[in-house]
Amino acid sequence: PMGVLSCVKYLMFIFNVLVFAAGTCLVGVGVWVAVDPAGFQDIVAAKPVLSAGAYLLLAVGIALSLLGFLGCCGALRRSRPLLLV
């Protein structure tokens, strides 16, 4: 039983690290699009609604990073409240 709990603990940690990494990547892309939209000029010029996409990427990326970080802490400390967040 103890080996199974340890395995589940580390699987939760790895999954949350992946969520944190994905959130960090989204934040990076969002900052890149917000600061230097020249690479995306064709898309943004054609559809002005997509200009808000950079801020949406930032918001989603920050939320995922925060959830991934809390999940990592919760998995390592076996904290139920952190994992429920």
C-alpha atoms as a PDB file:
ATOM      1  CA  PRO A   1       0.000   0.000   0.000  1.00  0.00           C
ATOM      2  CA  MET A   2       2.793   2.433   0.815  1.00  0.00           C
ATOM      3  CA  GLY A   3       4.464   1.892  -2.578  1.00  0.00           C
ATOM      4  CA  VAL A   4       1.217   2.650  -4.389  1.00  0.00           C
ATOM      5  CA  LEU A   5       0.748   5.898  -2.453  1.00  0.00           C
ATOM      6  CA  SER A   6       4.301   6.931  -3.232  1.00  0.00           C
ATOM      7  CA  CYS A   7       3.771   6.173  -6.921  1.00  0.00           C
ATOM      8  CA  VAL A   8       0.540   8.190  -6.985  1.00  0.00           C
ATOM      9  CA  LYS A   9       2.294  11.049  -5.196  1.00  0.00           C
ATOM     10  CA  TYR A  10       5.030  11.247  -7.816  1.00  0.00           C
ATOM     11  CA  LEU A  11       2.605  10.827 -10.713  1.00  0.00           C
ATOM     12  CA  MET A  12       0.566  13.759  -9.355  1.00  0.00           C
ATOM     13  CA  PHE A  13       3.774  15.763  -9.035  1.00  0.00           C
ATOM     14  CA  ILE A  14       4.823  15.007 -12.625  1.00  0.00           C
ATOM     15  CA  PHE A  15       1.365  15.866 -13.968  1.00  0.00           C
ATOM     16  CA  ASN A  16       1.387  19.169 -12.089  1.00  0.00           C
ATOM     17  CA  VAL A  17       4.877  19.973 -13.348  1.00  0.00           C
ATOM     18  CA  LEU A  18       3.564  19.477 -16.891  1.00  0.00           C
ATOM     19  CA  VAL A  19       0.614  21.793 -16.173  1.00  0.00           C
ATOM     20  CA  PHE A  20       3.018  24.373 -14.718  1.00  0.00           C
ATOM     21  CA  ALA A  21       5.283  24.094 -17.789  1.00  0.00           C
ATOM     22  CA  ALA A  22       2.343  24.503 -20.156  1.00  0.00           C
ATOM     23  CA  GLY A  23       1.181  27.582 -18.254  1.00  0.00           C
ATOM     24  CA  THR A  24       4.663  29.057 -18.347  1.00  0.00           C
ATOM     25  CA  CYS A  25       4.838  28.474 -22.109  1.00  0.00           C
ATOM     26  CA  LEU A  26       1.482  30.194 -22.584  1.00  0.00           C
ATOM     27  CA  VAL A  27       2.695  33.163 -20.532  1.00  0.00           C
ATOM     28  CA  GLY A  28       5.814  33.324 -22.693  1.00  0.00           C
ATOM     29  CA  VAL A  29       3.836  33.279 -25.938  1.00  0.00           C
ATOM     30  CA  GLY A  30       1.388  35.839 -24.552  1.00  0.00           C
ATOM     31  CA  VAL A  31       4.194  38.205 -23.586  1.00  0.00           C
ATOM     32  CA  TRP A  32       5.844  37.699 -26.960  1.00  0.00           C
ATOM     33  CA  VAL A  33       2.636  38.506 -28.858  1.00  0.00           C
ATOM     34  CA  ALA A  34       1.874  41.496 -26.614  1.00  0.00           C
ATOM     35  CA  VAL A  35       5.371  42.989 -26.869  1.00  0.00           C
ATOM     36  CA  ASP A  36       6.215  42.205 -30.502  1.00  0.00           C
ATOM     37  CA  PRO A  37       3.077  41.551 -32.547  1.00  0.00           C
ATOM     38  CA  ALA A  38       4.931  41.994 -35.873  1.00  0.00           C
ATOM     39  CA  GLY A  39       5.060  38.233 -36.427  1.00  0.00           C
ATOM     40  CA  PHE A  40       1.305  38.042 -35.947  1.00  0.00           C
ATOM     41  CA  GLN A  41       0.476  41.245 -37.827  1.00  0.00           C
ATOM     42  CA  ASP A  42      -1.377  39.464 -40.640  1.00  0.00           C
ATOM     43  CA  ILE A  43      -3.693  37.603 -38.273  1.00  0.00           C
ATOM     44  CA  VAL A  44      -4.296  40.559 -35.952  1.00  0.00           C
ATOM     45  CA  ALA A  45      -4.845  42.990 -38.840  1.00  0.00           C
ATOM     46  CA  ALA A  46      -7.358  40.664 -40.466  1.00  0.00           C
ATOM     47  CA  LYS A  47      -9.306  40.034 -37.257  1.00  0.00           C
ATOM     48  CA  PRO A  48      -9.092  42.783 -34.628  1.00  0.00           C
ATOM     49  CA  VAL A  49     -10.751  40.531 -32.043  1.00  0.00           C
ATOM     50  CA  LEU A  50      -7.603  38.415 -31.953  1.00  0.00           C
ATOM     51  CA  SER A  51      -5.558  41.356 -30.660  1.00  0.00           C
ATOM     52  CA  ALA A  52      -6.990  40.549 -27.224  1.00  0.00           C
ATOM     53  CA  GLY A  53      -5.675  37.010 -27.637  1.00  0.00           C
ATOM     54  CA  ALA A  54      -2.319  37.966 -26.150  1.00  0.00           C
ATOM     55  CA  TYR A  55      -3.965  39.048 -22.914  1.00  0.00           C
ATOM     56  CA  LEU A  56      -6.127  35.943 -22.900  1.00  0.00           C
ATOM     57  CA  LEU A  57      -3.005  33.788 -23.280  1.00  0.00           C
ATOM     58  CA  LEU A  58      -1.407  35.674 -20.403  1.00  0.00           C
ATOM     59  CA  ALA A  59      -4.419  35.185 -18.135  1.00  0.00           C
ATOM     60  CA  VAL A  60      -4.800  31.479 -18.927  1.00  0.00           C
ATOM     61  CA  GLY A  61      -1.054  30.921 -18.644  1.00  0.00           C
ATOM     62  CA  ILE A  62      -0.841  32.622 -15.259  1.00  0.00           C
ATOM     63  CA  ALA A  63      -3.831  30.628 -13.986  1.00  0.00           C
ATOM     64  CA  LEU A  64      -2.329  27.321 -15.197  1.00  0.00           C
ATOM     65  CA  SER A  65       1.068  28.161 -13.727  1.00  0.00           C
ATOM     66  CA  LEU A  66      -0.471  28.980 -10.383  1.00  0.00           C
ATOM     67  CA  LEU A  67      -2.578  25.817 -10.360  1.00  0.00           C
ATOM     68  CA  GLY A  68       0.401  23.698 -11.392  1.00  0.00           C
ATOM     69  CA  PHE A  69       2.579  25.207  -8.671  1.00  0.00           C
ATOM     70  CA  LEU A  70      -0.067  24.675  -5.998  1.00  0.00           C
ATOM     71  CA  GLY A  71      -0.590  21.136  -7.253  1.00  0.00           C
ATOM     72  CA  CYS A  72       3.144  20.393  -7.034  1.00  0.00           C
ATOM     73  CA  CYS A  73       3.274  21.707  -3.479  1.00  0.00           C
ATOM     74  CA  GLY A  74       0.138  19.760  -2.583  1.00  0.00           C
ATOM     75  CA  ALA A  75       1.459  16.527  -4.074  1.00  0.00           C
ATOM     76  CA  LEU A  76       4.798  16.744  -2.296  1.00  0.00           C
ATOM     77  CA  ARG A  77       3.313  17.706   1.070  1.00  0.00           C
ATOM     78  CA  ARG A  78       0.242  15.474   0.654  1.00  0.00           C
ATOM     79  CA  SER A  79      -1.907  18.504   1.379  1.00  0.00           C
ATOM     80  CA  ARG A  80      -5.542  17.854   0.512  1.00  0.00           C
ATOM     81  CA  PRO A  81      -6.573  21.574   0.412  1.00  0.00           C
ATOM     82  CA  LEU A  82      -3.788  22.433  -2.048  1.00  0.00           C
ATOM     83  CA  LEU A  83      -4.735  19.520  -4.284  1.00  0.00           C
ATOM     84  CA  LEU A  84      -8.415  20.463  -4.188  1.00  0.00           C
ATOM     85  CA  VAL A  85      -7.616  23.975  -5.418  1.00  0.00           C
END
